[in-house]
Amino acid sequence: MTSSGVILAVVIALIVAYAVARTRRRMGLMVTGKTWLAVVAGVVVVLLALWASQTH
């Protein structure tokens, strides 16, 4: 994966984390930095797994 691919994965992860944070706030749940980090890490892992399955 090139550096532009990593940057794209992080941007996609941040967009998903933002949507999750807004949804959690609307449901009345707390949103902390740990929430953001967990969602970003999860999305990046899923995107890397998808990339690895497509290239190998």
C-alpha atoms as a PDB file:
ATOM      1  CA  MET A   1       0.000   0.000   0.000  1.00  0.00           C
ATOM      2  CA  THR A   2       1.423   3.351  -0.991  1.00  0.00           C
ATOM      3  CA  SER A   3       1.526   6.430   1.203  1.00  0.00           C
ATOM      4  CA  SER A   4      -1.477   7.896  -0.611  1.00  0.00           C
ATOM      5  CA  GLY A   5      -3.392   4.692   0.108  1.00  0.00           C
ATOM      6  CA  VAL A   6      -2.582   4.935   3.805  1.00  0.00           C
ATOM      7  CA  ILE A   7      -3.687   8.561   3.856  1.00  0.00           C
ATOM      8  CA  LEU A   8      -6.938   7.605   2.120  1.00  0.00           C
ATOM      9  CA  ALA A   9      -7.545   4.808   4.651  1.00  0.00           C
ATOM     10  CA  VAL A  10      -7.065   7.240   7.535  1.00  0.00           C
ATOM     11  CA  VAL A  11      -9.374   9.827   5.948  1.00  0.00           C
ATOM     12  CA  ILE A  12     -12.082   7.213   5.412  1.00  0.00           C
ATOM     13  CA  ALA A  13     -11.618   6.034   9.002  1.00  0.00           C
ATOM     14  CA  LEU A  14     -11.978   9.593  10.324  1.00  0.00           C
ATOM     15  CA  ILE A  15     -15.182  10.116   8.339  1.00  0.00           C
ATOM     16  CA  VAL A  16     -16.633   6.882   9.720  1.00  0.00           C
ATOM     17  CA  ALA A  17     -15.535   7.818  13.257  1.00  0.00           C
ATOM     18  CA  TYR A  18     -17.211  11.205  12.904  1.00  0.00           C
ATOM     19  CA  ALA A  19     -20.461   9.554  11.829  1.00  0.00           C
ATOM     20  CA  VAL A  20     -20.271   7.094  14.742  1.00  0.00           C
ATOM     21  CA  ALA A  21     -19.588   9.930  17.196  1.00  0.00           C
ATOM     22  CA  ARG A  22     -22.572  11.932  15.951  1.00  0.00           C
ATOM     23  CA  THR A  23     -24.810   8.881  16.145  1.00  0.00           C
ATOM     24  CA  ARG A  24     -23.664   8.088  19.687  1.00  0.00           C
ATOM     25  CA  ARG A  25     -24.273  11.692  20.784  1.00  0.00           C
ATOM     26  CA  ARG A  26     -27.788  11.645  19.343  1.00  0.00           C
ATOM     27  CA  MET A  27     -28.493   8.426  21.231  1.00  0.00           C
ATOM     28  CA  GLY A  28     -27.319  10.090  24.448  1.00  0.00           C
ATOM     29  CA  LEU A  29     -24.143   8.037  24.824  1.00  0.00           C
ATOM     30  CA  MET A  30     -20.764   9.458  25.783  1.00  0.00           C
ATOM     31  CA  VAL A  31     -18.136  10.055  23.117  1.00  0.00           C
ATOM     32  CA  THR A  32     -14.529  10.153  24.261  1.00  0.00           C
ATOM     33  CA  GLY A  33     -11.148  10.068  22.607  1.00  0.00           C
ATOM     34  CA  LYS A  34     -11.047   6.327  23.194  1.00  0.00           C
ATOM     35  CA  THR A  35     -14.231   5.992  21.147  1.00  0.00           C
ATOM     36  CA  TRP A  36     -12.628   7.853  18.242  1.00  0.00           C
ATOM     37  CA  LEU A  37      -9.426   5.810  18.458  1.00  0.00           C
ATOM     38  CA  ALA A  38     -11.260   2.497  18.603  1.00  0.00           C
ATOM     39  CA  VAL A  39     -13.403   3.298  15.573  1.00  0.00           C
ATOM     40  CA  VAL A  40     -10.460   4.641  13.552  1.00  0.00           C
ATOM     41  CA  ALA A  41      -8.304   1.620  14.407  1.00  0.00           C
ATOM     42  CA  GLY A  42     -11.127  -0.790  13.569  1.00  0.00           C
ATOM     43  CA  VAL A  43     -11.851   0.803  10.206  1.00  0.00           C
ATOM     44  CA  VAL A  44      -8.166   0.911   9.266  1.00  0.00           C
ATOM     45  CA  VAL A  45      -7.762  -2.783  10.157  1.00  0.00           C
ATOM     46  CA  VAL A  46     -10.814  -3.693   8.067  1.00  0.00           C
ATOM     47  CA  LEU A  47      -9.565  -1.628   5.114  1.00  0.00           C
ATOM     48  CA  LEU A  48      -6.105  -3.217   5.342  1.00  0.00           C
ATOM     49  CA  ALA A  49      -7.673  -6.681   5.482  1.00  0.00           C
ATOM     50  CA  LEU A  50      -9.744  -5.905   2.385  1.00  0.00           C
ATOM     51  CA  TRP A  51      -6.646  -4.590   0.591  1.00  0.00           C
ATOM     52  CA  ALA A  52      -4.621  -7.669   1.558  1.00  0.00           C
ATOM     53  CA  SER A  53      -7.321 -10.039   0.363  1.00  0.00           C
ATOM     54  CA  GLN A  54      -7.498  -8.274  -2.988  1.00  0.00           C
ATOM     55  CA  THR A  55      -3.746  -8.217  -3.631  1.00  0.00           C
ATOM     56  CA  HIS A  56      -2.701 -11.704  -2.468  1.00  0.00           C
END
